[in-house]
N, C-alpha and C. Protein backbone atom coordinates (compact mmCIF):
# COMPACT_ATOMS: atom_id res chain seq x y z
N UNK A 1 -47.37 7.39 -25.22
CA UNK A 1 -47.44 6.95 -23.83
C UNK A 1 -48.68 6.11 -23.58
N UNK A 2 -49.80 6.48 -24.19
CA UNK A 2 -51.04 5.74 -23.94
C UNK A 2 -51.45 4.87 -25.13
N UNK A 3 -50.56 4.74 -26.13
CA UNK A 3 -50.89 3.92 -27.30
C UNK A 3 -51.17 2.48 -26.93
N UNK A 4 -50.50 1.97 -25.91
CA UNK A 4 -50.66 0.56 -25.53
C UNK A 4 -52.09 0.27 -25.09
N UNK A 5 -52.80 1.30 -24.58
CA UNK A 5 -54.20 1.13 -24.17
C UNK A 5 -55.16 1.48 -25.30
N UNK A 6 -54.91 2.59 -25.99
CA UNK A 6 -55.82 2.99 -27.07
C UNK A 6 -55.76 2.03 -28.25
N UNK A 7 -54.58 1.42 -28.44
CA UNK A 7 -54.43 0.48 -29.56
C UNK A 7 -55.42 -0.67 -29.44
N UNK A 8 -55.51 -1.25 -28.26
CA UNK A 8 -56.44 -2.36 -28.05
C UNK A 8 -57.89 -1.91 -28.19
N UNK A 9 -58.17 -0.68 -27.77
CA UNK A 9 -59.55 -0.17 -27.80
C UNK A 9 -60.04 0.08 -29.23
N UNK A 10 -59.16 0.62 -30.08
CA UNK A 10 -59.58 0.95 -31.45
C UNK A 10 -59.46 -0.25 -32.39
N UNK A 11 -58.76 -1.30 -31.97
CA UNK A 11 -58.51 -2.40 -32.87
C UNK A 11 -59.78 -3.17 -33.23
N UNK A 12 -60.73 -3.26 -32.29
CA UNK A 12 -61.96 -4.02 -32.58
C UNK A 12 -62.75 -3.43 -33.74
N UNK A 13 -63.07 -2.11 -33.72
CA UNK A 13 -63.78 -1.57 -34.89
C UNK A 13 -62.94 -1.61 -36.16
N UNK A 14 -61.62 -1.44 -36.04
CA UNK A 14 -60.78 -1.52 -37.22
C UNK A 14 -60.84 -2.91 -37.84
N UNK A 15 -60.89 -3.94 -37.00
CA UNK A 15 -61.00 -5.31 -37.51
C UNK A 15 -62.28 -5.50 -38.32
N UNK A 16 -63.37 -4.94 -37.82
CA UNK A 16 -64.66 -5.07 -38.51
C UNK A 16 -64.61 -4.40 -39.88
N UNK A 17 -64.12 -3.18 -39.92
CA UNK A 17 -64.04 -2.45 -41.19
C UNK A 17 -63.07 -3.10 -42.15
N UNK A 18 -61.94 -3.55 -41.62
CA UNK A 18 -60.93 -4.15 -42.48
C UNK A 18 -61.45 -5.44 -43.14
N UNK A 19 -62.17 -6.24 -42.39
CA UNK A 19 -62.71 -7.48 -42.95
C UNK A 19 -63.68 -7.19 -44.10
N UNK A 20 -64.42 -6.10 -43.97
CA UNK A 20 -65.38 -5.74 -45.03
C UNK A 20 -64.69 -5.24 -46.29
N UNK A 21 -63.41 -4.90 -46.20
CA UNK A 21 -62.67 -4.35 -47.33
C UNK A 21 -61.83 -5.39 -48.06
N UNK A 22 -61.77 -6.59 -47.53
CA UNK A 22 -60.96 -7.63 -48.15
C UNK A 22 -61.44 -7.89 -49.58
N UNK A 23 -60.53 -7.83 -50.53
CA UNK A 23 -60.86 -8.04 -51.93
C UNK A 23 -61.34 -6.80 -52.66
N UNK A 24 -61.61 -5.72 -51.95
CA UNK A 24 -62.09 -4.48 -52.56
C UNK A 24 -60.98 -3.46 -52.73
N UNK A 25 -60.03 -3.47 -51.84
CA UNK A 25 -58.96 -2.50 -51.86
C UNK A 25 -57.73 -3.12 -51.23
N UNK A 26 -56.55 -2.68 -51.63
CA UNK A 26 -55.32 -3.22 -51.06
C UNK A 26 -54.85 -2.32 -49.91
N UNK A 27 -54.05 -2.87 -49.01
CA UNK A 27 -53.51 -2.03 -47.93
C UNK A 27 -52.72 -0.82 -48.44
N UNK A 28 -51.93 -1.02 -49.50
CA UNK A 28 -51.14 0.09 -50.04
C UNK A 28 -52.04 1.18 -50.62
N UNK A 29 -53.15 0.79 -51.22
CA UNK A 29 -54.10 1.78 -51.74
C UNK A 29 -54.70 2.60 -50.60
N UNK A 30 -55.00 1.93 -49.48
CA UNK A 30 -55.49 2.64 -48.31
C UNK A 30 -54.44 3.61 -47.77
N UNK A 31 -53.20 3.14 -47.73
CA UNK A 31 -52.11 3.98 -47.23
C UNK A 31 -51.98 5.25 -48.08
N UNK A 32 -51.93 5.08 -49.39
CA UNK A 32 -51.73 6.22 -50.27
C UNK A 32 -52.97 7.11 -50.30
N UNK A 33 -54.17 6.50 -50.31
CA UNK A 33 -55.40 7.29 -50.29
C UNK A 33 -55.53 8.11 -49.03
N UNK A 34 -55.18 7.51 -47.89
CA UNK A 34 -55.22 8.23 -46.63
C UNK A 34 -54.23 9.38 -46.61
N UNK A 35 -53.07 9.17 -47.23
CA UNK A 35 -52.07 10.23 -47.30
C UNK A 35 -52.58 11.41 -48.11
N UNK A 36 -53.19 11.13 -49.25
CA UNK A 36 -53.71 12.21 -50.10
C UNK A 36 -54.78 13.00 -49.36
N UNK A 37 -55.68 12.30 -48.70
CA UNK A 37 -56.73 12.98 -47.93
C UNK A 37 -56.10 13.82 -46.81
N UNK A 38 -55.13 13.25 -46.11
CA UNK A 38 -54.48 13.97 -45.04
C UNK A 38 -53.76 15.22 -45.52
N UNK A 39 -53.15 15.14 -46.70
CA UNK A 39 -52.43 16.29 -47.24
C UNK A 39 -53.36 17.43 -47.65
N UNK A 40 -54.64 17.13 -47.83
CA UNK A 40 -55.60 18.19 -48.10
C UNK A 40 -55.69 19.16 -46.93
N UNK A 41 -55.27 18.70 -45.75
CA UNK A 41 -55.29 19.57 -44.58
C UNK A 41 -54.38 20.78 -44.75
N UNK A 42 -53.32 20.65 -45.55
CA UNK A 42 -52.37 21.76 -45.70
C UNK A 42 -53.01 22.98 -46.36
N UNK A 43 -53.61 22.85 -47.56
CA UNK A 43 -54.29 24.03 -48.12
C UNK A 43 -55.48 24.48 -47.28
N UNK A 44 -56.18 23.55 -46.65
CA UNK A 44 -57.32 23.93 -45.81
C UNK A 44 -56.85 24.76 -44.61
N UNK A 45 -55.75 24.36 -44.01
CA UNK A 45 -55.21 25.12 -42.89
C UNK A 45 -54.69 26.48 -43.36
N UNK A 46 -54.05 26.49 -44.54
CA UNK A 46 -53.54 27.75 -45.07
C UNK A 46 -54.67 28.76 -45.28
N UNK A 47 -55.86 28.26 -45.61
CA UNK A 47 -57.02 29.13 -45.78
C UNK A 47 -57.79 29.33 -44.48
N UNK A 48 -57.24 28.74 -43.39
CA UNK A 48 -57.84 28.85 -42.06
C UNK A 48 -59.22 28.20 -41.98
N UNK A 49 -59.40 27.15 -42.74
CA UNK A 49 -60.61 26.34 -42.67
C UNK A 49 -60.30 25.17 -41.73
N UNK A 50 -60.37 25.43 -40.47
CA UNK A 50 -59.84 24.50 -39.48
C UNK A 50 -60.73 23.26 -39.30
N UNK A 51 -62.02 23.41 -39.37
CA UNK A 51 -62.90 22.24 -39.20
C UNK A 51 -62.75 21.25 -40.34
N UNK A 52 -62.80 21.68 -41.62
CA UNK A 52 -62.54 20.72 -42.70
C UNK A 52 -61.15 20.10 -42.62
N UNK A 53 -60.17 20.90 -42.18
CA UNK A 53 -58.81 20.35 -42.02
C UNK A 53 -58.79 19.25 -40.97
N UNK A 54 -59.52 19.46 -39.88
CA UNK A 54 -59.58 18.45 -38.83
C UNK A 54 -60.23 17.17 -39.35
N UNK A 55 -61.26 17.31 -40.18
CA UNK A 55 -61.90 16.13 -40.77
C UNK A 55 -60.89 15.35 -41.60
N UNK A 56 -60.10 16.06 -42.41
CA UNK A 56 -59.09 15.40 -43.24
C UNK A 56 -58.05 14.69 -42.38
N UNK A 57 -57.66 15.33 -41.29
CA UNK A 57 -56.67 14.74 -40.38
C UNK A 57 -57.21 13.47 -39.74
N UNK A 58 -58.45 13.51 -39.26
CA UNK A 58 -59.05 12.34 -38.60
C UNK A 58 -59.22 11.19 -39.59
N UNK A 59 -59.66 11.50 -40.82
CA UNK A 59 -59.81 10.45 -41.84
C UNK A 59 -58.45 9.82 -42.13
N UNK A 60 -57.43 10.64 -42.23
CA UNK A 60 -56.08 10.11 -42.45
C UNK A 60 -55.68 9.13 -41.36
N UNK A 61 -55.94 9.48 -40.11
CA UNK A 61 -55.56 8.62 -38.99
C UNK A 61 -56.36 7.32 -38.99
N UNK A 62 -57.65 7.41 -39.35
CA UNK A 62 -58.46 6.19 -39.42
C UNK A 62 -57.94 5.26 -40.51
N UNK A 63 -57.64 5.83 -41.68
CA UNK A 63 -57.14 5.01 -42.78
C UNK A 63 -55.75 4.47 -42.47
N UNK A 64 -54.98 5.20 -41.68
CA UNK A 64 -53.67 4.70 -41.27
C UNK A 64 -53.81 3.47 -40.39
N UNK A 65 -54.85 3.43 -39.57
CA UNK A 65 -55.10 2.23 -38.78
C UNK A 65 -55.65 1.10 -39.60
N UNK A 66 -56.47 1.44 -40.59
CA UNK A 66 -57.10 0.41 -41.42
C UNK A 66 -56.11 -0.31 -42.33
N UNK A 67 -55.12 0.42 -42.85
CA UNK A 67 -54.22 -0.22 -43.82
C UNK A 67 -53.43 -1.36 -43.18
N UNK A 68 -52.92 -1.12 -41.97
CA UNK A 68 -52.18 -2.18 -41.30
C UNK A 68 -53.06 -3.34 -40.89
N UNK A 69 -54.28 -3.04 -40.45
CA UNK A 69 -55.21 -4.10 -40.06
C UNK A 69 -55.58 -4.95 -41.27
N UNK A 70 -55.86 -4.29 -42.39
CA UNK A 70 -56.19 -5.03 -43.62
C UNK A 70 -55.00 -5.87 -44.07
N UNK A 71 -53.80 -5.34 -43.93
CA UNK A 71 -52.60 -6.09 -44.34
C UNK A 71 -52.47 -7.37 -43.54
N UNK A 72 -52.81 -7.32 -42.27
CA UNK A 72 -52.70 -8.52 -41.44
C UNK A 72 -53.74 -9.57 -41.82
N UNK A 73 -54.85 -9.14 -42.41
CA UNK A 73 -55.87 -10.09 -42.86
C UNK A 73 -55.57 -10.62 -44.27
N UNK A 74 -54.75 -9.91 -45.01
CA UNK A 74 -54.44 -10.32 -46.38
C UNK A 74 -52.99 -10.76 -46.45
N UNK A 75 -52.10 -9.79 -46.67
CA UNK A 75 -50.67 -10.15 -46.74
C UNK A 75 -49.84 -8.93 -46.34
N UNK A 76 -49.10 -9.06 -45.25
CA UNK A 76 -48.22 -7.98 -44.84
C UNK A 76 -46.99 -7.96 -45.76
N UNK A 77 -46.39 -6.80 -45.90
CA UNK A 77 -45.20 -6.69 -46.74
C UNK A 77 -44.28 -5.61 -46.19
N UNK A 78 -42.99 -5.82 -46.39
CA UNK A 78 -42.02 -4.81 -45.98
C UNK A 78 -42.22 -3.53 -46.78
N UNK A 79 -42.59 -3.68 -48.05
CA UNK A 79 -42.80 -2.51 -48.90
C UNK A 79 -43.95 -1.66 -48.36
N UNK A 80 -45.02 -2.33 -47.94
CA UNK A 80 -46.16 -1.61 -47.38
C UNK A 80 -45.82 -0.92 -46.07
N UNK A 81 -45.06 -1.60 -45.22
CA UNK A 81 -44.64 -0.99 -43.96
C UNK A 81 -43.74 0.21 -44.19
N UNK A 82 -42.86 0.10 -45.18
CA UNK A 82 -41.97 1.20 -45.53
C UNK A 82 -42.78 2.41 -46.02
N UNK A 83 -43.73 2.15 -46.94
CA UNK A 83 -44.57 3.23 -47.46
C UNK A 83 -45.36 3.90 -46.34
N UNK A 84 -45.90 3.10 -45.46
CA UNK A 84 -46.73 3.62 -44.38
C UNK A 84 -45.95 4.56 -43.47
N UNK A 85 -44.76 4.15 -43.05
CA UNK A 85 -44.00 4.97 -42.11
C UNK A 85 -43.49 6.24 -42.77
N UNK A 86 -43.09 6.16 -44.03
CA UNK A 86 -42.62 7.36 -44.74
C UNK A 86 -43.73 8.39 -44.87
N UNK A 87 -44.90 7.95 -45.31
CA UNK A 87 -46.01 8.88 -45.52
C UNK A 87 -46.55 9.42 -44.19
N UNK A 88 -46.46 8.61 -43.14
CA UNK A 88 -46.88 9.09 -41.81
C UNK A 88 -46.05 10.29 -41.37
N UNK A 89 -44.73 10.17 -41.48
CA UNK A 89 -43.87 11.25 -41.02
C UNK A 89 -44.03 12.50 -41.89
N UNK A 90 -44.24 12.31 -43.19
CA UNK A 90 -44.49 13.45 -44.07
C UNK A 90 -45.79 14.15 -43.68
N UNK A 91 -46.82 13.36 -43.39
CA UNK A 91 -48.12 13.93 -43.01
C UNK A 91 -48.02 14.70 -41.71
N UNK A 92 -47.36 14.13 -40.71
CA UNK A 92 -47.27 14.80 -39.41
C UNK A 92 -46.64 16.19 -39.54
N UNK A 93 -45.56 16.29 -40.30
CA UNK A 93 -44.90 17.58 -40.47
C UNK A 93 -45.71 18.51 -41.37
N UNK A 94 -46.41 17.95 -42.35
CA UNK A 94 -47.19 18.78 -43.27
C UNK A 94 -48.29 19.54 -42.54
N UNK A 95 -48.92 18.91 -41.56
CA UNK A 95 -49.97 19.59 -40.80
C UNK A 95 -49.41 20.81 -40.09
N UNK A 96 -48.26 20.67 -39.49
CA UNK A 96 -47.63 21.79 -38.79
C UNK A 96 -47.25 22.89 -39.78
N UNK A 97 -46.78 22.50 -40.95
CA UNK A 97 -46.47 23.46 -42.01
C UNK A 97 -47.72 24.23 -42.40
N UNK A 98 -48.86 23.55 -42.43
CA UNK A 98 -50.12 24.20 -42.76
C UNK A 98 -50.46 25.31 -41.78
N UNK A 99 -50.18 25.09 -40.50
CA UNK A 99 -50.43 26.14 -39.51
C UNK A 99 -49.47 27.31 -39.69
N UNK A 100 -48.25 27.04 -40.11
CA UNK A 100 -47.31 28.12 -40.39
C UNK A 100 -47.81 28.96 -41.56
N UNK A 101 -48.39 28.33 -42.56
CA UNK A 101 -48.94 29.05 -43.69
C UNK A 101 -50.16 29.88 -43.29
N UNK A 102 -50.93 29.38 -42.35
CA UNK A 102 -52.16 30.07 -41.94
C UNK A 102 -51.86 31.42 -41.31
N UNK A 103 -50.82 31.48 -40.52
CA UNK A 103 -50.47 32.73 -39.83
C UNK A 103 -48.95 32.75 -39.60
N UNK A 104 -48.18 33.12 -40.64
CA UNK A 104 -46.72 33.05 -40.52
C UNK A 104 -46.17 33.89 -39.37
N UNK A 105 -46.71 35.07 -39.18
CA UNK A 105 -46.19 35.96 -38.15
C UNK A 105 -46.33 35.35 -36.76
N UNK A 106 -47.44 34.71 -36.51
CA UNK A 106 -47.71 34.17 -35.18
C UNK A 106 -47.24 32.73 -35.01
N UNK A 107 -47.29 31.95 -36.09
CA UNK A 107 -47.11 30.50 -35.96
C UNK A 107 -45.78 29.96 -36.45
N UNK A 108 -45.06 30.71 -37.31
CA UNK A 108 -43.93 30.13 -38.02
C UNK A 108 -42.82 29.64 -37.08
N UNK A 109 -42.46 30.44 -36.08
CA UNK A 109 -41.37 30.04 -35.19
C UNK A 109 -41.73 28.81 -34.38
N UNK A 110 -42.95 28.78 -33.83
CA UNK A 110 -43.38 27.61 -33.07
C UNK A 110 -43.48 26.38 -33.96
N UNK A 111 -43.93 26.58 -35.21
CA UNK A 111 -44.01 25.46 -36.15
C UNK A 111 -42.62 24.92 -36.47
N UNK A 112 -41.64 25.81 -36.66
CA UNK A 112 -40.27 25.37 -36.93
C UNK A 112 -39.71 24.59 -35.75
N UNK A 113 -39.97 25.07 -34.54
CA UNK A 113 -39.50 24.36 -33.34
C UNK A 113 -40.12 22.97 -33.26
N UNK A 114 -41.42 22.86 -33.55
CA UNK A 114 -42.09 21.57 -33.44
C UNK A 114 -41.59 20.60 -34.51
N UNK A 115 -41.38 21.09 -35.73
CA UNK A 115 -40.85 20.21 -36.77
C UNK A 115 -39.45 19.74 -36.40
N UNK A 116 -38.64 20.62 -35.79
CA UNK A 116 -37.33 20.24 -35.26
C UNK A 116 -37.48 19.09 -34.27
N UNK A 117 -38.46 19.20 -33.39
CA UNK A 117 -38.70 18.14 -32.40
C UNK A 117 -39.17 16.86 -33.07
N UNK A 118 -39.98 16.99 -34.12
CA UNK A 118 -40.44 15.82 -34.86
C UNK A 118 -39.27 15.08 -35.51
N UNK A 119 -38.27 15.83 -35.98
CA UNK A 119 -37.08 15.19 -36.53
C UNK A 119 -36.43 14.30 -35.47
N UNK A 120 -36.40 14.79 -34.25
CA UNK A 120 -35.83 14.01 -33.16
C UNK A 120 -36.62 12.76 -32.85
N UNK A 121 -37.95 12.90 -32.74
CA UNK A 121 -38.77 11.72 -32.43
C UNK A 121 -38.70 10.70 -33.57
N UNK A 122 -38.75 11.19 -34.81
CA UNK A 122 -38.71 10.28 -35.95
C UNK A 122 -37.38 9.57 -36.09
N UNK A 123 -36.29 10.31 -35.96
CA UNK A 123 -34.97 9.70 -36.13
C UNK A 123 -34.64 8.72 -35.01
N UNK A 124 -35.01 9.06 -33.77
CA UNK A 124 -34.75 8.14 -32.66
C UNK A 124 -35.59 6.87 -32.79
N UNK A 125 -36.81 7.02 -33.26
CA UNK A 125 -37.71 5.88 -33.50
C UNK A 125 -37.12 4.95 -34.56
N UNK A 126 -36.73 5.53 -35.70
CA UNK A 126 -36.26 4.72 -36.82
C UNK A 126 -34.86 4.16 -36.58
N UNK A 127 -33.99 4.94 -35.93
CA UNK A 127 -32.63 4.45 -35.66
C UNK A 127 -32.67 3.22 -34.77
N UNK A 128 -33.52 3.26 -33.74
CA UNK A 128 -33.62 2.09 -32.87
C UNK A 128 -34.22 0.90 -33.62
N UNK A 129 -35.21 1.17 -34.48
CA UNK A 129 -35.84 0.09 -35.24
C UNK A 129 -34.81 -0.64 -36.10
N UNK A 130 -33.90 0.11 -36.72
CA UNK A 130 -32.86 -0.50 -37.55
C UNK A 130 -31.97 -1.42 -36.71
N UNK A 131 -31.52 -0.90 -35.57
CA UNK A 131 -30.63 -1.69 -34.72
C UNK A 131 -31.35 -2.88 -34.08
N UNK A 132 -32.61 -2.68 -33.73
CA UNK A 132 -33.37 -3.78 -33.14
C UNK A 132 -33.57 -4.90 -34.14
N UNK A 133 -33.80 -4.54 -35.39
CA UNK A 133 -33.93 -5.55 -36.43
C UNK A 133 -32.61 -6.28 -36.64
N UNK A 134 -31.52 -5.54 -36.62
CA UNK A 134 -30.20 -6.14 -36.79
C UNK A 134 -29.91 -7.17 -35.71
N UNK A 135 -30.29 -6.85 -34.49
CA UNK A 135 -30.01 -7.74 -33.36
C UNK A 135 -31.18 -8.69 -33.06
N UNK A 136 -32.22 -8.63 -33.90
CA UNK A 136 -33.38 -9.51 -33.76
C UNK A 136 -34.00 -9.44 -32.37
N UNK A 137 -34.18 -8.20 -31.90
CA UNK A 137 -34.85 -8.01 -30.62
C UNK A 137 -36.33 -8.32 -30.75
N UNK A 138 -36.94 -8.76 -29.66
CA UNK A 138 -38.38 -9.01 -29.67
C UNK A 138 -39.11 -7.69 -29.86
N UNK A 139 -40.30 -7.77 -30.47
CA UNK A 139 -41.11 -6.57 -30.67
C UNK A 139 -41.39 -5.90 -29.33
N UNK A 140 -41.34 -4.60 -29.31
CA UNK A 140 -41.60 -3.84 -28.09
C UNK A 140 -43.01 -3.27 -28.15
N UNK A 141 -43.84 -3.63 -27.18
CA UNK A 141 -45.20 -3.12 -27.00
C UNK A 141 -46.20 -3.71 -27.99
N UNK A 142 -45.92 -3.64 -29.30
CA UNK A 142 -46.92 -4.06 -30.28
C UNK A 142 -46.35 -5.11 -31.21
N UNK A 143 -46.87 -6.33 -31.11
CA UNK A 143 -46.35 -7.42 -31.93
C UNK A 143 -46.66 -7.25 -33.41
N UNK A 144 -47.72 -6.50 -33.74
CA UNK A 144 -48.17 -6.43 -35.13
C UNK A 144 -47.66 -5.21 -35.87
N UNK A 145 -46.68 -4.49 -35.32
CA UNK A 145 -46.09 -3.37 -36.02
C UNK A 145 -45.04 -3.87 -37.02
N UNK A 146 -44.91 -3.13 -38.14
CA UNK A 146 -43.91 -3.49 -39.14
C UNK A 146 -42.50 -3.27 -38.63
N UNK A 147 -42.33 -2.26 -37.77
CA UNK A 147 -41.02 -1.92 -37.24
C UNK A 147 -40.98 -2.16 -35.74
N UNK A 148 -39.79 -2.35 -35.22
CA UNK A 148 -39.63 -2.44 -33.77
C UNK A 148 -40.02 -1.12 -33.15
N UNK A 149 -40.91 -1.17 -32.21
CA UNK A 149 -41.57 0.04 -31.71
C UNK A 149 -41.00 0.46 -30.37
N UNK A 150 -40.28 1.58 -30.37
CA UNK A 150 -39.72 2.16 -29.15
C UNK A 150 -40.64 3.30 -28.74
N UNK A 151 -41.36 3.13 -27.63
CA UNK A 151 -42.38 4.09 -27.22
C UNK A 151 -41.81 5.37 -26.67
N UNK A 152 -42.70 6.20 -26.11
CA UNK A 152 -42.27 7.46 -25.54
C UNK A 152 -43.44 8.23 -24.99
N UNK A 153 -43.15 9.44 -24.52
CA UNK A 153 -44.17 10.28 -23.93
C UNK A 153 -45.18 10.78 -24.96
N UNK A 154 -44.71 11.02 -26.19
CA UNK A 154 -45.59 11.49 -27.27
C UNK A 154 -45.60 10.44 -28.37
N UNK A 155 -46.70 9.73 -28.48
CA UNK A 155 -46.87 8.71 -29.51
C UNK A 155 -48.05 9.10 -30.39
N UNK A 156 -48.61 8.13 -31.10
CA UNK A 156 -49.67 8.44 -32.06
C UNK A 156 -50.91 9.05 -31.43
N UNK A 157 -51.36 8.50 -30.30
CA UNK A 157 -52.58 9.00 -29.66
C UNK A 157 -52.41 10.43 -29.19
N UNK A 158 -51.29 10.70 -28.54
CA UNK A 158 -51.03 12.06 -28.06
C UNK A 158 -50.93 13.05 -29.21
N UNK A 159 -50.33 12.62 -30.31
CA UNK A 159 -50.19 13.51 -31.46
C UNK A 159 -51.55 13.82 -32.06
N UNK A 160 -52.42 12.82 -32.17
CA UNK A 160 -53.76 13.07 -32.69
C UNK A 160 -54.54 14.02 -31.79
N UNK A 161 -54.45 13.82 -30.47
CA UNK A 161 -55.13 14.72 -29.55
C UNK A 161 -54.59 16.14 -29.67
N UNK A 162 -53.29 16.26 -29.88
CA UNK A 162 -52.69 17.59 -30.09
C UNK A 162 -53.23 18.23 -31.36
N UNK A 163 -53.34 17.46 -32.44
CA UNK A 163 -53.85 18.00 -33.70
C UNK A 163 -55.31 18.43 -33.56
N UNK A 164 -56.07 17.65 -32.82
CA UNK A 164 -57.46 18.05 -32.57
C UNK A 164 -57.50 19.37 -31.82
N UNK A 165 -56.64 19.50 -30.81
CA UNK A 165 -56.62 20.71 -29.99
C UNK A 165 -56.25 21.95 -30.81
N UNK A 166 -55.24 21.85 -31.67
CA UNK A 166 -54.82 23.03 -32.42
C UNK A 166 -55.83 23.39 -33.52
N UNK A 167 -56.61 22.41 -33.98
CA UNK A 167 -57.68 22.73 -34.93
C UNK A 167 -58.88 23.37 -34.23
N UNK A 168 -59.14 22.96 -33.00
CA UNK A 168 -60.25 23.54 -32.25
C UNK A 168 -59.89 24.92 -31.70
N UNK A 169 -58.64 25.11 -31.34
CA UNK A 169 -58.18 26.39 -30.78
C UNK A 169 -56.96 26.88 -31.54
N UNK A 170 -57.13 27.22 -32.83
CA UNK A 170 -55.99 27.60 -33.66
C UNK A 170 -55.25 28.84 -33.17
N UNK A 171 -55.95 29.73 -32.47
CA UNK A 171 -55.28 30.93 -31.96
C UNK A 171 -54.26 30.60 -30.88
N UNK A 172 -54.37 29.43 -30.31
CA UNK A 172 -53.44 28.99 -29.27
C UNK A 172 -52.35 28.08 -29.83
N UNK A 173 -52.21 28.06 -31.16
CA UNK A 173 -51.26 27.13 -31.77
C UNK A 173 -49.85 27.27 -31.21
N UNK A 174 -49.35 28.49 -31.13
CA UNK A 174 -47.96 28.69 -30.71
C UNK A 174 -47.70 28.13 -29.32
N UNK A 175 -48.60 28.42 -28.40
CA UNK A 175 -48.43 27.93 -27.03
C UNK A 175 -48.50 26.40 -26.99
N UNK A 176 -49.52 25.85 -27.65
CA UNK A 176 -49.69 24.40 -27.65
C UNK A 176 -48.53 23.71 -28.36
N UNK A 177 -48.03 24.31 -29.44
CA UNK A 177 -46.92 23.70 -30.18
C UNK A 177 -45.65 23.67 -29.35
N UNK A 178 -45.38 24.74 -28.62
CA UNK A 178 -44.18 24.77 -27.77
C UNK A 178 -44.29 23.73 -26.65
N UNK A 179 -45.48 23.63 -26.05
CA UNK A 179 -45.68 22.63 -24.99
C UNK A 179 -45.51 21.21 -25.54
N UNK A 180 -46.16 20.95 -26.67
CA UNK A 180 -46.07 19.60 -27.25
C UNK A 180 -44.65 19.32 -27.72
N UNK A 181 -43.98 20.34 -28.28
CA UNK A 181 -42.60 20.17 -28.69
C UNK A 181 -41.70 19.82 -27.52
N UNK A 182 -41.94 20.45 -26.37
CA UNK A 182 -41.17 20.12 -25.18
C UNK A 182 -41.37 18.68 -24.76
N UNK A 183 -42.61 18.20 -24.84
CA UNK A 183 -42.89 16.80 -24.53
C UNK A 183 -42.21 15.87 -25.53
N UNK A 184 -42.18 16.30 -26.80
CA UNK A 184 -41.48 15.51 -27.82
C UNK A 184 -39.99 15.40 -27.51
N UNK A 185 -39.39 16.48 -27.03
CA UNK A 185 -37.97 16.45 -26.69
C UNK A 185 -37.70 15.49 -25.54
N UNK A 186 -38.62 15.45 -24.58
CA UNK A 186 -38.48 14.47 -23.50
C UNK A 186 -38.51 13.05 -24.08
N UNK A 187 -39.41 12.83 -25.03
CA UNK A 187 -39.48 11.53 -25.70
C UNK A 187 -38.17 11.22 -26.41
N UNK A 188 -37.62 12.20 -27.10
CA UNK A 188 -36.36 12.01 -27.83
C UNK A 188 -35.25 11.56 -26.87
N UNK A 189 -35.09 12.30 -25.79
CA UNK A 189 -33.99 11.99 -24.87
C UNK A 189 -34.19 10.65 -24.17
N UNK A 190 -35.43 10.32 -23.82
CA UNK A 190 -35.67 9.02 -23.19
C UNK A 190 -35.46 7.89 -24.17
N UNK A 191 -35.82 8.10 -25.44
CA UNK A 191 -35.58 7.07 -26.46
C UNK A 191 -34.08 6.87 -26.70
N UNK A 192 -33.35 7.99 -26.79
CA UNK A 192 -31.90 7.88 -27.00
C UNK A 192 -31.25 7.15 -25.83
N UNK A 193 -31.63 7.54 -24.62
CA UNK A 193 -31.05 6.90 -23.43
C UNK A 193 -31.44 5.42 -23.37
N UNK A 194 -32.75 5.15 -23.51
CA UNK A 194 -33.21 3.77 -23.42
C UNK A 194 -32.67 2.90 -24.53
N UNK A 195 -32.66 3.42 -25.75
CA UNK A 195 -32.14 2.66 -26.88
C UNK A 195 -30.65 2.39 -26.74
N UNK A 196 -29.90 3.40 -26.30
CA UNK A 196 -28.45 3.24 -26.13
C UNK A 196 -28.15 2.20 -25.06
N UNK A 197 -28.88 2.28 -23.93
CA UNK A 197 -28.65 1.32 -22.85
C UNK A 197 -29.00 -0.10 -23.30
N UNK A 198 -30.09 -0.24 -24.03
CA UNK A 198 -30.51 -1.56 -24.51
C UNK A 198 -29.46 -2.16 -25.43
N UNK A 199 -28.99 -1.38 -26.39
CA UNK A 199 -28.02 -1.87 -27.37
C UNK A 199 -26.67 -2.10 -26.72
N UNK A 200 -26.31 -1.29 -25.73
CA UNK A 200 -25.04 -1.48 -25.02
C UNK A 200 -25.02 -2.80 -24.27
N UNK A 201 -26.16 -3.16 -23.65
CA UNK A 201 -26.23 -4.43 -22.92
C UNK A 201 -26.11 -5.62 -23.87
N UNK A 202 -26.64 -5.46 -25.07
CA UNK A 202 -26.56 -6.56 -26.03
C UNK A 202 -25.12 -6.83 -26.44
N UNK A 203 -24.33 -5.78 -26.61
CA UNK A 203 -22.97 -5.92 -27.11
C UNK A 203 -21.95 -6.13 -26.00
N UNK A 204 -22.37 -5.99 -24.75
CA UNK A 204 -21.41 -6.16 -23.64
C UNK A 204 -21.24 -7.62 -23.26
């Protein structure tokens, strides 16, 4: 929901860092490196080391911003965009799985519900992107995204803030996960409705 504002705010420092990396590392290396660092959050969460896990999560998100910015300064590729989106969705669910491992009795059901909601947000996002590409729709919200971007109530910024919250207050994970999952479901239904209406108008 607020990505359209935070994107512009974080892009300036990302541009500076990305320019300094030209010729030293490739965008795909940043993507994969950020994924590996982010996945370290799973064992850290399982051991209930929440602060180190949060550090891994934040580094992952920073590197996720850097890889796309670096690609725009060097050479964007469909392969890189594909890798980025796949690893992003794996990372998002892996963090929630880590909380289930940390306290299965208290967290497992809420974690399962949230991953269910993530399936909805991810599938609605990607399904619209496929159809938008087929019909050559103009980019929505962000011109520099690899995929056609259909927004919603819970986007990247909200998800990061949620991850920060559950790492700072892990005992409240179940409550926060159910609340965030509910917001994700609203995003799913609005995306399905908006995407369906958009595509219906194109074919009518």
